[in-house]
C-alpha atoms as a PDB file:
ATOM      1  CA  UNK A   1       0.100  -0.156  -0.106  1.00  0.00           C
ATOM      2  CA  UNK A   2       1.120   3.567  -0.820  1.00  0.00           C
ATOM      3  CA  UNK A   3       1.538   5.931   2.012  1.00  0.00           C
ATOM      4  CA  UNK A   4       1.611   9.574   2.395  1.00  0.00           C
ATOM      5  CA  UNK A   5       4.062  10.272   5.520  1.00  0.00           C
ATOM      6  CA  UNK A   6       6.853  12.085   6.598  1.00  0.00           C
ATOM      7  CA  UNK A   7      10.525  11.592   6.317  1.00  0.00           C
ATOM      8  CA  UNK A   8      13.024  13.325   8.821  1.00  0.00           C
ATOM      9  CA  UNK A   9      15.351  15.471   7.553  1.00  0.00           C
ATOM     10  CA  UNK A  10      17.582  18.217   9.749  1.00  0.00           C
ATOM     11  CA  UNK A  11      20.146  17.753  12.126  1.00  0.00           C
ATOM     12  CA  UNK A  12      20.736  16.474  15.793  1.00  0.00           C
ATOM     13  CA  UNK A  13      17.873  17.898  17.602  1.00  0.00           C
ATOM     14  CA  UNK A  14      16.702  20.425  14.664  1.00  0.00           C
ATOM     15  CA  UNK A  15      14.117  18.362  13.117  1.00  0.00           C
ATOM     16  CA  UNK A  16      11.956  19.287   9.984  1.00  0.00           C
ATOM     17  CA  UNK A  17      10.143  16.778   8.087  1.00  0.00           C
ATOM     18  CA  UNK A  18       9.342  16.205   4.235  1.00  0.00           C
ATOM     19  CA  UNK A  19       5.932  14.727   3.211  1.00  0.00           C
ATOM     20  CA  UNK A  20       6.652  12.251   1.213  1.00  0.00           C
ATOM     21  CA  UNK A  21       4.998   9.335  -1.164  1.00  0.00           C
ATOM     22  CA  UNK A  22       6.304   6.027  -0.042  1.00  0.00           C
ATOM     23  CA  UNK A  23       5.528   2.223   0.014  1.00  0.00           C
ATOM     24  CA  UNK A  24       4.026   1.430   3.489  1.00  0.00           C
ATOM     25  CA  UNK A  25       6.792  -1.281   4.034  1.00  0.00           C
ATOM     26  CA  UNK A  26       9.782   1.241   3.056  1.00  0.00           C
ATOM     27  CA  UNK A  27      12.039   2.403   6.053  1.00  0.00           C
ATOM     28  CA  UNK A  28      11.057   5.871   7.460  1.00  0.00           C
ATOM     29  CA  UNK A  29      14.096   7.225   5.496  1.00  0.00           C
ATOM     30  CA  UNK A  30      14.432   4.951   2.778  1.00  0.00           C
ATOM     31  CA  UNK A  31      13.130   4.860  -0.723  1.00  0.00           C
ATOM     32  CA  UNK A  32      10.462   7.151  -1.519  1.00  0.00           C
ATOM     33  CA  UNK A  33       8.266   7.749  -4.557  1.00  0.00           C
ATOM     34  CA  UNK A  34       7.568  11.362  -4.348  1.00  0.00           C
ATOM     35  CA  UNK A  35       8.104  14.453  -1.911  1.00  0.00           C
ATOM     36  CA  UNK A  36       4.938  16.501  -2.078  1.00  0.00           C
ATOM     37  CA  UNK A  37       5.521  18.891   0.628  1.00  0.00           C
ATOM     38  CA  UNK A  38       7.352  19.737   3.995  1.00  0.00           C
ATOM     39  CA  UNK A  39       6.398  20.552   7.645  1.00  0.00           C
ATOM     40  CA  UNK A  40       8.619  22.044  10.245  1.00  0.00           C
ATOM     41  CA  UNK A  41       7.571  22.309  13.760  1.00  0.00           C
ATOM     42  CA  UNK A  42      10.292  24.764  15.102  1.00  0.00           C
ATOM     43  CA  UNK A  43       8.783  27.881  13.670  1.00  0.00           C
ATOM     44  CA  UNK A  44       6.014  29.248  15.281  1.00  0.00           C
ATOM     45  CA  UNK A  45       3.366  28.627  14.108  1.00  0.00           C
ATOM     46  CA  UNK A  46       4.777  25.459  12.354  1.00  0.00           C
ATOM     47  CA  UNK A  47       5.281  25.794   8.789  1.00  0.00           C
ATOM     48  CA  UNK A  48       3.153  23.567   6.601  1.00  0.00           C
ATOM     49  CA  UNK A  49       3.715  23.566   2.538  1.00  0.00           C
ATOM     50  CA  UNK A  50       1.952  21.148   0.498  1.00  0.00           C
ATOM     51  CA  UNK A  51       1.593  20.420  -3.264  1.00  0.00           C
ATOM     52  CA  UNK A  52      -1.946  20.196  -3.310  1.00  0.00           C
ATOM     53  CA  UNK A  53      -2.459  18.929  -7.058  1.00  0.00           C
ATOM     54  CA  UNK A  54       0.089  15.883  -6.602  1.00  0.00           C
ATOM     55  CA  UNK A  55      -1.482  15.266  -2.578  1.00  0.00           C
ATOM     56  CA  UNK A  56      -5.090  15.162  -4.305  1.00  0.00           C
ATOM     57  CA  UNK A  57      -3.842  13.059  -7.360  1.00  0.00           C
ATOM     58  CA  UNK A  58      -1.988  10.255  -5.139  1.00  0.00           C
ATOM     59  CA  UNK A  59      -5.312  10.309  -2.709  1.00  0.00           C
ATOM     60  CA  UNK A  60      -7.571   9.770  -5.593  1.00  0.00           C
ATOM     61  CA  UNK A  61      -5.439   6.483  -6.400  1.00  0.00           C
ATOM     62  CA  UNK A  62      -5.753   5.163  -3.202  1.00  0.00           C
ATOM     63  CA  UNK A  63      -2.555   6.302  -1.007  1.00  0.00           C
ATOM     64  CA  UNK A  64      -3.411   6.485   2.684  1.00  0.00           C
ATOM     65  CA  UNK A  65      -2.289   9.260   4.721  1.00  0.00           C
ATOM     66  CA  UNK A  66      -0.523   8.037   8.133  1.00  0.00           C
ATOM     67  CA  UNK A  67      -1.602   8.834  11.530  1.00  0.00           C
ATOM     68  CA  UNK A  68       1.443  11.462  11.717  1.00  0.00           C
ATOM     69  CA  UNK A  69       0.269  13.273   8.223  1.00  0.00           C
ATOM     70  CA  UNK A  70      -3.372  13.472   8.489  1.00  0.00           C
ATOM     71  CA  UNK A  71      -3.479  16.267  10.992  1.00  0.00           C
ATOM     72  CA  UNK A  72      -1.144  18.280   8.900  1.00  0.00           C
ATOM     73  CA  UNK A  73      -3.266  17.598   5.749  1.00  0.00           C
ATOM     74  CA  UNK A  74      -6.488  18.455   7.746  1.00  0.00           C
ATOM     75  CA  UNK A  75      -4.773  21.844   8.751  1.00  0.00           C
ATOM     76  CA  UNK A  76      -4.009  22.916   5.139  1.00  0.00           C
ATOM     77  CA  UNK A  77      -7.273  21.954   4.057  1.00  0.00           C
ATOM     78  CA  UNK A  78      -6.314  19.114   1.915  1.00  0.00           C
ATOM     79  CA  UNK A  79      -8.602  16.578   3.016  1.00  0.00           C
ATOM     80  CA  UNK A  80     -11.516  19.214   3.026  1.00  0.00           C
ATOM     81  CA  UNK A  81     -10.581  19.906  -0.756  1.00  0.00           C
ATOM     82  CA  UNK A  82     -10.132  15.665  -1.507  1.00  0.00           C
ATOM     83  CA  UNK A  83     -13.987  15.247  -0.300  1.00  0.00           C
ATOM     84  CA  UNK A  84     -15.119  18.005  -2.599  1.00  0.00           C
ATOM     85  CA  UNK A  85     -12.767  16.279  -5.375  1.00  0.00           C
ATOM     86  CA  UNK A  86     -14.752  12.917  -4.487  1.00  0.00           C
ATOM     87  CA  UNK A  87     -18.167  14.881  -4.930  1.00  0.00           C
ATOM     88  CA  UNK A  88     -17.315  15.806  -8.279  1.00  0.00           C
ATOM     89  CA  UNK A  89     -15.784  19.496  -8.252  1.00  0.00           C
ATOM     90  CA  UNK A  90     -12.895  19.725 -10.870  1.00  0.00           C
ATOM     91  CA  UNK A  91      -9.225  19.280  -9.545  1.00  0.00           C
ATOM     92  CA  UNK A  92      -7.949  22.446 -11.388  1.00  0.00           C
ATOM     93  CA  UNK A  93     -10.472  24.617  -9.295  1.00  0.00           C
ATOM     94  CA  UNK A  94      -9.508  22.817  -6.098  1.00  0.00           C
ATOM     95  CA  UNK A  95      -5.791  23.727  -6.717  1.00  0.00           C
ATOM     96  CA  UNK A  96      -6.539  27.230  -7.853  1.00  0.00           C
ATOM     97  CA  UNK A  97      -8.423  27.497  -4.632  1.00  0.00           C
ATOM     98  CA  UNK A  98      -5.465  26.004  -2.703  1.00  0.00           C
ATOM     99  CA  UNK A  99      -2.746  28.435  -4.155  1.00  0.00           C
ATOM    100  CA  UNK A 100      -5.292  31.317  -3.627  1.00  0.00           C
ATOM    101  CA  UNK A 101      -5.234  30.456   0.073  1.00  0.00           C
ATOM    102  CA  UNK A 102      -1.488  30.025   0.346  1.00  0.00           C
ATOM    103  CA  UNK A 103      -0.959  33.110  -1.237  1.00  0.00           C
ATOM    104  CA  UNK A 104      -3.392  34.926   1.066  1.00  0.00           C
ATOM    105  CA  UNK A 105      -1.953  33.321   4.266  1.00  0.00           C
ATOM    106  CA  UNK A 106       0.236  35.391   6.687  1.00  0.00           C
ATOM    107  CA  UNK A 107       3.952  34.723   6.229  1.00  0.00           C
ATOM    108  CA  UNK A 108       5.592  32.718   8.647  1.00  0.00           C
ATOM    109  CA  UNK A 109       8.936  33.927  10.294  1.00  0.00           C
ATOM    110  CA  UNK A 110      11.330  31.366   9.773  1.00  0.00           C
ATOM    111  CA  UNK A 111      13.068  31.844  13.208  1.00  0.00           C
ATOM    112  CA  UNK A 112      13.555  28.933  15.041  1.00  0.00           C
ATOM    113  CA  UNK A 113      15.179  30.205  18.070  1.00  0.00           C
ATOM    114  CA  UNK A 114      13.512  31.584  21.051  1.00  0.00           C
ATOM    115  CA  UNK A 115      14.454  33.487  24.298  1.00  0.00           C
ATOM    116  CA  UNK A 116      14.939  31.669  27.222  1.00  0.00           C
ATOM    117  CA  UNK A 117      11.938  31.640  29.604  1.00  0.00           C
ATOM    118  CA  UNK A 118      12.371  34.124  32.319  1.00  0.00           C
ATOM    119  CA  UNK A 119      12.917  33.360  35.865  1.00  0.00           C
ATOM    120  CA  UNK A 120       9.996  31.580  37.493  1.00  0.00           C
ATOM    121  CA  UNK A 121       8.454  30.866  34.153  1.00  0.00           C
ATOM    122  CA  UNK A 122      10.533  27.577  33.281  1.00  0.00           C
ATOM    123  CA  UNK A 123       9.196  23.938  34.208  1.00  0.00           C
ATOM    124  CA  UNK A 124      11.843  22.960  36.624  1.00  0.00           C
ATOM    125  CA  UNK A 125      10.827  21.792  39.923  1.00  0.00           C
ATOM    126  CA  UNK A 126      13.365  21.265  42.696  1.00  0.00           C
ATOM    127  CA  UNK A 127      12.960  17.780  44.619  1.00  0.00           C
ATOM    128  CA  UNK A 128      10.595  18.069  47.786  1.00  0.00           C
ATOM    129  CA  UNK A 129       8.572  21.046  46.179  1.00  0.00           C
END
């Protein structure tokens, strides 16, 4: 079975993920069929970029999103557009709508380092407290 899932990229303790089409039995960072987007959880808010046309195509031919990729596809509106595609709307109109939504979206800062919490705001609790 073909899956839409994440492939980890990035350095040590700096993960980013590519959204890829891969065989279900392939290793996490093994062979892929096609890269269709990426997800960066280290930005605020998380960066989600999806090639709508390719993801809708793969969903229409039977690819299944993984449990981790499904929330991202819902956040970007891809799953809602796929339901409309199954109902009979043309693919070109749905892809144009997705491009317009991405163009009108607020830009996300690529900044990934954040200031340290102020005194008393951290999660550290000494023993016995």
